[in-house]
Protein backbone atom coordinates (compact mmCIF):
# COMPACT_ATOMS: atom_id res chain seq x y z
CA ASP A 1 -84.38 -141.02 59.58
CA ALA A 2 -85.71 -139.45 62.79
CA GLY A 3 -87.68 -136.87 60.81
CA GLU A 4 -89.97 -139.44 59.19
CA THR A 5 -93.52 -139.96 60.42
CA CYS A 6 -96.19 -142.50 59.68
CA GLU A 7 -99.91 -141.95 60.16
CA VAL A 8 -102.35 -144.86 60.27
CA ALA A 9 -106.02 -144.57 61.19
CA LEU A 10 -106.87 -147.71 63.14
CA GLN A 11 -110.54 -148.62 63.16
CA LEU A 12 -112.75 -151.42 64.34
CA GLY A 13 -115.16 -153.27 62.10
CA LYS A 14 -117.85 -155.34 63.78
CA GLU A 15 -117.21 -153.92 67.29
CA THR A 16 -118.58 -150.53 66.25
CA ASP A 17 -122.02 -152.13 65.82
CA LEU A 18 -122.25 -152.28 69.62
CA ASP A 19 -122.31 -148.47 69.87
CA LEU A 20 -119.17 -148.48 72.04
CA GLN A 21 -116.71 -145.67 72.60
CA VAL A 22 -112.96 -145.74 73.11
CA THR A 23 -112.38 -145.68 76.87
CA SER A 24 -108.59 -145.95 76.96
CA VAL A 25 -105.54 -146.06 74.69
CA ALA A 26 -102.02 -147.17 75.63
CA TRP A 27 -98.70 -147.72 73.85
CA ASN A 28 -96.18 -150.27 75.10
CA CYS A 29 -92.65 -149.20 76.09
CA THR A 30 -91.16 -150.12 72.69
CA GLY A 31 -93.81 -148.17 70.79
CA ASN A 32 -94.70 -151.22 68.69
CA THR A 33 -98.04 -152.18 70.25
CA LEU A 34 -101.13 -150.06 70.63
CA ALA A 35 -103.93 -151.19 72.95
CA CYS A 36 -107.43 -149.78 72.87
CA SER A 37 -110.37 -150.58 75.16
CA LEU A 38 -114.00 -150.01 74.29
CA GLY A 39 -117.01 -149.38 76.47
CA ARG A 40 -119.64 -146.81 77.28
CA LEU A 41 -118.47 -143.69 79.07
CA GLU A 42 -121.91 -142.93 80.52
CA THR A 43 -122.04 -146.25 82.44
CA LEU A 44 -121.78 -145.81 86.20
CA GLY A 45 -120.84 -148.76 88.38
CA TRP A 46 -120.45 -152.39 87.35
CA CYS A 47 -121.87 -153.69 84.09
CA GLU A 48 -122.32 -157.11 82.51
CA VAL A 49 -121.97 -156.07 78.87
CA SER A 50 -119.04 -157.55 76.97
CA ALA A 51 -116.60 -155.19 75.31
CA PRO A 52 -113.25 -155.80 73.62
CA VAL A 53 -109.69 -154.75 74.33
CA CYS A 54 -107.95 -154.62 70.94
CA LEU A 55 -104.23 -154.67 70.20
CA TRP A 56 -102.36 -153.73 67.03
CA ASN A 57 -98.70 -154.48 66.34
CA THR A 58 -97.84 -151.36 64.35
CA ASN A 59 -94.40 -152.70 63.44
CA ARG A 60 -95.89 -155.52 61.38
CA PRO A 61 -95.38 -155.00 57.62
CA GLN A 62 -98.83 -156.40 56.76
CA LEU A 63 -100.67 -154.15 59.25
CA ASN A 64 -104.41 -154.10 58.57
CA ALA A 65 -105.71 -150.92 60.20
CA SER A 66 -109.30 -152.18 60.36
CA GLU A 67 -108.42 -155.57 61.89
CA PRO A 68 -106.71 -155.75 65.32
CA ASP A 69 -103.95 -158.35 65.71
CA LEU A 70 -105.52 -159.50 68.96
CA THR A 71 -108.99 -158.95 70.43
CA ILE A 72 -109.65 -159.88 74.04
CA GLU A 73 -113.34 -160.04 74.90
CA ILE A 74 -113.97 -158.78 78.45
CA THR A 75 -117.24 -159.35 80.34
CA ASN A 76 -117.43 -155.69 81.35
CA PHE A 77 -115.91 -152.39 80.29
CA VAL A 78 -112.20 -151.66 80.75
CA MET A 79 -111.97 -147.96 81.51
CA CYS A 80 -108.17 -147.65 81.84
CA LEU A 81 -105.25 -149.46 80.19
CA ALA A 82 -101.55 -149.31 81.01
CA PHE A 83 -98.53 -151.22 79.78
CA HIS A 84 -95.68 -152.03 82.17
CA PRO A 85 -92.93 -149.39 81.84
CA THR A 86 -90.18 -151.93 81.04
CA GLU A 87 -91.98 -155.19 80.10
CA PRO A 88 -93.55 -154.53 76.66
CA GLY A 89 -95.86 -157.57 76.74
CA LEU A 90 -97.48 -156.83 80.12
CA LEU A 91 -100.79 -154.97 79.91
CA ALA A 92 -103.12 -154.12 82.81
CA GLY A 93 -106.68 -152.94 82.54
């Protein structure tokens, strides 16, 4: 039914200990995958602090809102994420 909605509060466990903020959020073209990058918004220029890009497959029946399906550790902050408009598995950051 097109009138149905589903609300899930996704959260990060151990990553929040790093005092990081959400820097970007992106949905893929099918609406099944949510990507979220973390960093520090007050950082200017290049940094050498690791921060994750986390992905959740929201179509998965056993979705665990506090545990991303995939975490990619990046050696600096990703400030912008974007999925390809027609290739759902292609993410740029």
